[in-house]
Protein backbone atom coordinates (compact mmCIF):
# COMPACT_ATOMS: atom_id res chain seq x y z
CA MET A 1 100.50 121.68 149.42
CA ASP A 2 102.28 121.53 146.05
CA THR A 3 100.24 121.66 142.82
CA ASN A 4 103.29 122.46 140.71
CA THR A 5 103.91 120.18 137.76
CA LYS A 6 105.35 120.23 134.24
CA TYR A 7 103.70 120.85 130.88
CA LEU A 8 105.73 120.20 127.72
CA GLY A 9 108.83 120.41 129.86
CA LEU A 10 107.80 123.80 131.27
CA GLU A 11 107.38 124.37 135.00
CA ILE A 12 103.80 125.38 135.83
CA LYS A 13 102.10 126.12 139.15
CA SER A 14 98.89 124.19 138.40
CA PRO A 15 97.95 121.28 136.13
CA ILE A 16 94.80 123.18 135.08
CA ILE A 17 95.29 125.04 131.80
CA ALA A 18 93.06 127.46 129.91
CA GLY A 19 92.57 125.83 126.52
CA SER A 20 92.50 127.63 123.20
CA CYS A 21 89.27 129.64 122.86
CA GLY A 22 87.82 133.13 122.54
CA LEU A 23 88.60 133.77 126.20
CA THR A 24 92.33 133.45 125.52
CA ASN A 25 92.21 136.04 122.74
CA ASP A 26 92.17 139.05 125.07
CA ILE A 27 95.00 140.27 127.27
CA SER A 28 92.71 141.27 130.16
CA LYS A 29 91.14 137.80 130.22
CA LEU A 30 94.59 136.22 130.13
CA GLU A 31 95.62 138.26 133.15
CA GLN A 32 92.46 137.23 134.99
CA LEU A 33 93.11 133.58 134.19
CA GLU A 34 96.64 133.82 135.56
CA ALA A 35 95.38 135.55 138.73
CA ALA A 36 92.80 132.78 139.17
CA GLY A 37 95.51 130.12 139.08
CA ALA A 38 95.81 128.90 135.48
CA GLY A 39 99.00 126.90 135.06
CA ALA A 40 99.35 128.07 131.44
CA VAL A 41 97.26 129.66 128.71
CA ILE A 42 96.85 128.50 125.13
CA ILE A 43 96.15 131.44 122.85
CA LYS A 44 93.12 131.16 120.57
CA SER A 45 94.01 129.15 117.48
CA VAL A 46 95.03 130.64 114.17
CA PHE A 47 92.98 128.85 111.50
CA GLU A 48 94.48 128.83 108.04
CA GLU A 49 90.97 128.20 106.70
CA GLN A 50 89.78 131.51 108.19
CA ILE A 51 92.73 133.40 106.72
CA ILE A 52 92.04 131.93 103.26
CA TYR A 53 88.38 132.91 103.64
CA ASP A 54 89.39 136.48 104.52
CA ILE A 55 91.69 136.62 101.50
CA LYS A 56 88.90 135.54 99.15
CA ARG A 57 86.46 137.98 100.73
CA ASN A 58 88.87 140.89 100.25
CA LEU A 59 89.53 139.91 96.67
CA SER A 60 85.84 139.55 95.85
CA MET A 61 85.28 143.17 96.88
CA MET A 62 87.91 144.32 94.40
CA ALA A 63 87.12 142.58 91.12
CA PRO A 64 85.61 139.45 89.52
CA THR A 65 87.72 136.36 90.06
CA ASP A 66 89.10 136.43 86.51
CA ASN A 67 90.55 139.92 87.01
CA TYR A 68 92.76 139.32 90.04
CA GLY A 69 95.92 139.20 87.99
CA MET A 70 99.06 140.22 89.86
CA SER A 71 97.03 141.55 92.78
CA TYR A 72 96.31 138.11 94.26
CA GLU A 73 99.69 137.47 95.87
CA TYR A 74 99.90 141.04 97.19
CA ILE A 75 96.40 141.00 98.74
CA ALA A 76 96.80 137.45 100.06
CA SER A 77 100.09 138.31 101.74
CA HIS A 78 98.69 141.53 103.22
CA VAL A 79 95.57 139.86 104.66
CA ALA A 80 97.55 136.93 106.09
CA ASP A 81 100.13 139.25 107.66
CA ASP A 82 97.40 141.41 109.18
CA SER A 83 95.59 138.43 110.70
CA LEU A 84 98.74 136.76 112.00
CA GLY A 85 100.13 140.08 113.19
CA LYS A 86 97.25 140.52 115.63
CA HIS A 87 98.00 137.13 117.17
CA PHE A 88 101.69 137.88 117.42
CA GLU A 89 101.04 141.21 119.14
CA LEU A 90 98.83 139.44 121.68
CA ILE A 91 101.54 136.85 122.30
CA LYS A 92 104.21 139.51 122.76
CA GLU A 93 101.97 141.47 125.15
CA ALA A 94 101.11 138.32 127.08
CA LYS A 95 104.80 137.45 127.42
CA LYS A 96 105.42 140.92 128.89
CA ARG A 97 102.56 140.81 131.40
CA LEU A 98 102.14 137.16 132.37
CA HIS A 99 104.39 134.95 134.47
CA ILE A 100 102.96 131.65 133.24
CA PRO A 101 103.72 129.86 129.95
CA VAL A 102 102.05 131.29 126.84
CA VAL A 103 101.33 128.60 124.25
CA GLY A 104 100.43 129.28 120.63
CA SER A 105 97.86 127.22 118.72
CA ILE A 106 97.75 126.59 114.99
CA ASN A 107 95.29 124.80 112.71
CA CYS A 108 96.41 124.40 109.08
CA TYR A 109 95.58 122.18 106.15
CA SER A 110 98.43 122.99 103.76
CA PHE A 111 101.90 121.62 104.40
CA GLU A 112 103.60 124.89 103.48
CA ASN A 113 101.67 126.97 106.01
CA TRP A 114 102.26 124.48 108.81
CA MET A 115 105.93 125.32 108.32
CA THR A 116 105.47 129.07 107.87
CA TYR A 117 103.06 129.66 110.75
CA THR A 118 104.99 127.51 113.20
CA GLN A 119 108.25 129.33 112.60
CA ARG A 120 106.56 132.71 112.93
CA PHE A 121 104.88 131.72 116.20
CA GLN A 122 108.24 130.69 117.58
CA ASP A 123 109.71 134.02 116.49
CA ALA A 124 106.83 135.81 118.27
CA GLY A 125 108.04 134.37 121.57
CA CYS A 126 105.69 131.48 122.37
CA ASP A 127 106.92 129.16 125.09
CA ALA A 128 105.44 126.21 123.21
CA LEU A 129 103.06 125.33 120.38
CA GLU A 130 99.94 123.21 120.20
CA LEU A 131 99.31 121.94 116.69
CA ASN A 132 95.60 121.35 116.17
CA MET A 133 95.81 118.45 113.73
CA ALA A 134 92.27 117.11 113.95
CA ILE A 135 91.37 115.35 110.70
CA LEU A 136 87.89 114.05 109.92
CA PRO A 137 88.44 111.04 107.59
CA TYR A 138 85.38 111.70 105.42
CA GLU A 139 87.12 110.97 102.12
CA THR A 140 86.61 107.36 101.01
CA THR A 141 89.96 107.58 99.22
CA LEU A 142 91.80 108.53 102.43
CA SER A 143 93.37 105.53 104.15
CA CYS A 144 94.84 105.30 107.64
CA GLU A 145 98.25 105.06 105.98
CA ASP A 146 97.63 108.42 104.30
CA VAL A 147 96.75 110.02 107.63
CA ASP A 148 99.80 108.44 109.26
CA ARG A 149 102.05 109.80 106.51
CA LEU A 150 100.55 113.29 106.78
CA PHE A 151 101.14 113.48 110.53
CA SER A 152 104.64 112.04 110.21
CA ASP A 153 105.72 114.40 107.41
CA ILE A 154 104.47 117.50 109.22
CA ILE A 155 105.89 116.61 112.62
CA ASN A 156 109.28 115.42 111.35
CA THR A 157 109.71 118.57 109.25
CA LEU A 158 108.63 120.90 112.05
CA ARG A 159 111.02 119.31 114.52
CA LYS A 160 113.87 120.27 112.21
CA SER A 161 112.79 123.90 111.93
CA VAL A 162 111.58 124.90 115.41
CA SER A 163 113.16 124.34 118.80
CA ILE A 164 110.33 125.16 121.21
CA PRO A 165 108.20 122.33 122.68
CA ILE A 166 105.42 120.99 120.45
CA SER A 167 102.16 119.32 121.40
CA ILE A 168 99.77 117.64 118.97
CA LYS A 169 96.04 118.09 119.53
CA VAL A 170 94.18 115.17 117.99
CA SER A 171 90.63 114.04 117.35
CA GLN A 172 89.04 110.74 118.32
CA ASN A 173 88.82 109.55 114.69
CA PHE A 174 91.46 106.83 114.57
CA THR A 175 90.87 103.15 113.91
CA ASP A 176 94.16 102.29 115.61
CA MET A 177 94.03 104.83 118.43
CA ALA A 178 96.45 103.20 120.88
CA ASN A 179 98.99 102.25 118.22
CA PHE A 180 98.89 105.62 116.48
CA MET A 181 99.11 107.66 119.69
CA GLN A 182 102.14 105.63 120.74
CA ARG A 183 103.80 106.22 117.37
CA LEU A 184 103.07 109.93 117.66
CA SER A 185 104.80 109.98 121.02
CA TRP A 186 107.88 108.47 119.38
CA MET A 187 108.08 111.34 116.85
CA ASN A 188 109.93 113.65 119.22
CA VAL A 189 106.81 115.57 120.25
CA ASN A 190 106.54 116.85 123.81
CA GLY A 191 102.85 116.24 124.33
CA ILE A 192 99.52 115.04 122.96
CA THR A 193 96.22 116.76 123.75
CA MET A 194 93.25 114.39 123.84
CA PHE A 195 90.89 115.46 122.38
CA ASN A 196 89.87 118.21 120.00
CA LYS A 197 86.26 119.34 120.48
CA ALA A 198 84.58 118.70 117.14
CA LEU A 199 82.07 121.07 115.57
CA ASN A 200 78.67 119.47 116.11
CA VAL A 201 76.10 119.34 113.32
CA ASP A 202 72.33 119.29 113.71
CA VAL A 203 69.27 119.30 111.44
CA ASP A 204 66.60 122.01 111.35
CA THR A 205 63.52 119.92 110.59
CA ASP A 206 61.39 122.97 109.74
CA LYS A 207 63.82 124.41 107.20
CA MET A 208 65.11 120.92 106.34
CA GLU A 209 68.71 122.00 106.35
CA LEU A 210 71.91 121.35 108.24
CA THR A 211 72.77 123.72 111.05
CA HIS A 212 75.28 124.12 113.87
CA ALA A 213 74.62 122.35 117.15
CA PRO A 214 75.71 123.78 120.54
CA SER A 215 79.49 124.07 120.55
CA LEU A 216 80.27 123.80 124.27
CA SER A 217 81.09 120.40 125.70
CA SER A 218 78.76 118.62 128.10
CA PRO A 219 79.86 116.86 131.31
CA ASP A 220 79.00 113.50 129.69
CA GLU A 221 81.78 113.94 127.14
CA ILE A 222 84.44 113.37 129.76
CA TYR A 223 84.13 109.60 129.77
CA ASN A 224 85.71 108.73 126.43
CA THR A 225 88.63 111.08 127.10
CA LEU A 226 89.02 109.59 130.57
CA ARG A 227 89.12 106.06 129.14
CA TRP A 228 91.84 106.85 126.61
CA VAL A 229 93.95 108.85 129.04
CA ALA A 230 93.88 105.92 131.45
CA ILE A 231 94.73 103.42 128.71
CA LEU A 232 97.59 105.41 127.19
CA SER A 233 99.16 107.48 129.94
CA LYS A 234 101.74 104.84 130.86
CA LYS A 235 102.37 103.80 127.26
CA LEU A 236 103.39 107.09 125.67
CA ARG A 237 106.78 108.78 125.67
CA CYS A 238 105.27 112.24 126.06
CA ASP A 239 102.83 114.13 128.27
CA ILE A 240 99.07 113.86 127.87
CA SER A 241 96.91 116.95 128.27
CA ALA A 242 93.29 115.91 128.80
CA SER A 243 90.57 117.97 127.16
CA THR A 244 86.80 117.85 126.47
CA GLY A 245 84.13 117.30 129.11
CA VAL A 246 86.04 118.68 132.12
CA HIS A 247 83.60 120.87 134.05
CA THR A 248 84.39 120.46 137.76
CA ALA A 249 87.32 120.07 140.14
CA ASP A 250 86.28 116.45 140.53
CA ASP A 251 86.70 116.01 136.77
CA VAL A 252 90.21 117.45 137.03
CA VAL A 253 91.07 114.94 139.77
CA LYS A 254 89.70 112.08 137.66
CA MET A 255 91.93 112.99 134.73
CA LEU A 256 95.01 113.25 136.95
CA LEU A 257 94.24 109.88 138.55
CA ALA A 258 93.95 108.44 135.03
CA GLY A 259 97.44 109.73 134.29
CA ALA A 260 97.01 113.07 132.53
CA GLY A 261 99.88 115.47 132.97
CA THR A 262 97.62 118.48 132.65
CA VAL A 263 93.94 119.20 132.13
CA GLN A 264 92.57 121.81 129.70
CA VAL A 265 89.30 123.63 130.38
CA VAL A 266 87.21 125.83 128.10
CA SER A 267 83.45 125.22 128.21
CA CYS A 268 83.22 125.52 132.00
CA LEU A 269 84.96 128.91 131.75
CA TYR A 270 82.44 130.09 129.17
CA LYS A 271 79.59 128.92 131.39
CA ASN A 272 80.93 130.21 134.72
CA GLY A 273 83.39 132.97 133.82
CA VAL A 274 87.18 133.05 133.96
CA GLU A 275 87.12 133.30 137.77
CA TYR A 276 85.89 129.69 137.76
CA MET A 277 89.53 128.75 137.24
CA ARG A 278 89.99 129.67 140.92
CA THR A 279 87.14 127.34 141.91
CA LEU A 280 88.77 124.47 140.02
CA ASN A 281 92.13 125.04 141.68
CA ASP A 282 90.58 125.38 145.14
CA GLY A 283 88.64 122.17 144.57
CA LEU A 284 91.79 120.31 143.53
CA ARG A 285 93.64 121.47 146.66
CA ASP A 286 90.67 120.61 148.89
CA TRP A 287 90.60 117.05 147.49
CA MET A 288 94.36 116.66 147.94
CA ASN A 289 94.12 117.89 151.51
CA LYS A 290 91.23 115.52 152.24
CA LYS A 291 93.19 112.54 150.86
CA GLY A 292 96.46 113.56 152.46
CA TYR A 293 98.42 114.21 149.26
CA GLU A 294 101.16 116.82 149.34
CA SER A 295 101.91 116.84 145.61
CA ILE A 296 100.36 115.95 142.25
CA GLU A 297 102.94 113.25 141.64
CA GLN A 298 101.80 111.28 144.68
CA PHE A 299 98.52 110.32 143.00
CA ARG A 300 98.92 110.98 139.28
CA GLY A 301 98.23 107.83 137.27
CA LYS A 302 97.02 105.70 140.20
CA LEU A 303 94.07 104.52 138.10
CA ALA A 304 95.90 104.24 134.79
CA ALA A 305 96.03 100.94 132.93
CA LYS A 306 98.61 98.54 134.44
CA ALA A 307 98.62 100.55 137.64
CA ASN A 308 95.62 98.94 139.32
CA GLU A 309 93.62 95.72 139.36
CA GLN A 310 90.54 97.22 137.70
CA SER A 311 92.18 98.24 134.44
CA SER A 312 90.30 95.50 132.54
CA MET A 313 87.23 97.73 132.87
CA LEU A 314 88.92 100.23 130.56
CA TYR A 315 89.00 97.73 127.71
CA ARG A 316 85.35 96.70 127.88
CA THR A 317 82.92 98.30 125.42
CA GLN A 318 79.84 96.13 126.01
CA PHE A 319 77.57 96.18 129.05
CA MET A 320 78.18 93.52 131.66
CA LYS A 321 75.36 91.59 133.31
CA HIS A 322 75.01 93.84 136.36
CA PHE A 323 74.39 96.80 134.04
CA ALA A 324 71.98 94.93 131.80
CA GLN A 325 70.09 93.51 134.83
CA ILE A 326 70.55 89.96 133.64
């Protein structure tokens, strides 16, 4: 039985990938994930926001803000190099020890650092890069055209400066989801990851203040991702990697039937341990054996839009009469 497939043009032995998280920030965990059957690993993201925070924290311990003087650029460069250096060492070590693709992950908000970080990750030896470009459109002055221009400028510039495969990890916050995802796929990217897991916010009613909600995904979150994968998988010119809400082998199968090229898992690994990757792979093979499939390509996309007679269900957002008991 063949579970081999491709991810961003790279040959991988399983469509199940360990997504970017704390578990992919340790070489021993990466080795365990490979042994358990991960098709690829995405190293924990570098967040420009965190690096900027670390720079300010280091500076605040030195002198009041009005006394930084010439020290700012020196300290900022040192802190950034130290933080990035740790990621690069992990990537280099992973490339020595692992036999599966090692993918870097970057989250920036300044145009300059998108360029700088991406080039340095390529130099560190990554097989590919996932650009975490989730944008929450909370500014009333930010239009969809502004977002479109930002994505286009970053991607077009990066494609001129790096040669390794690039995937774009996006959020669900688009008014023109289908149109924009298709345009992204035309920008010479190799893949789109749908979707970024957003930081959840809650309210502490005793303290009457905002607080963090649980960060792991729930099984119920799979359905929106599943819908969009099924709608878009045959309309894009690049691979789709499905993420958020995937907790079981059955969930993996669902995403592949909808047309995903690969499936990323994180929360289920936190809940069950990295060895759960083996359970997911065994479950996928068991299902394939039960259905008589010898390869992933024999069933991938069978339930995608335009590939079956029930695709109209994907476009419906309101309850039909048999759900409403009318």
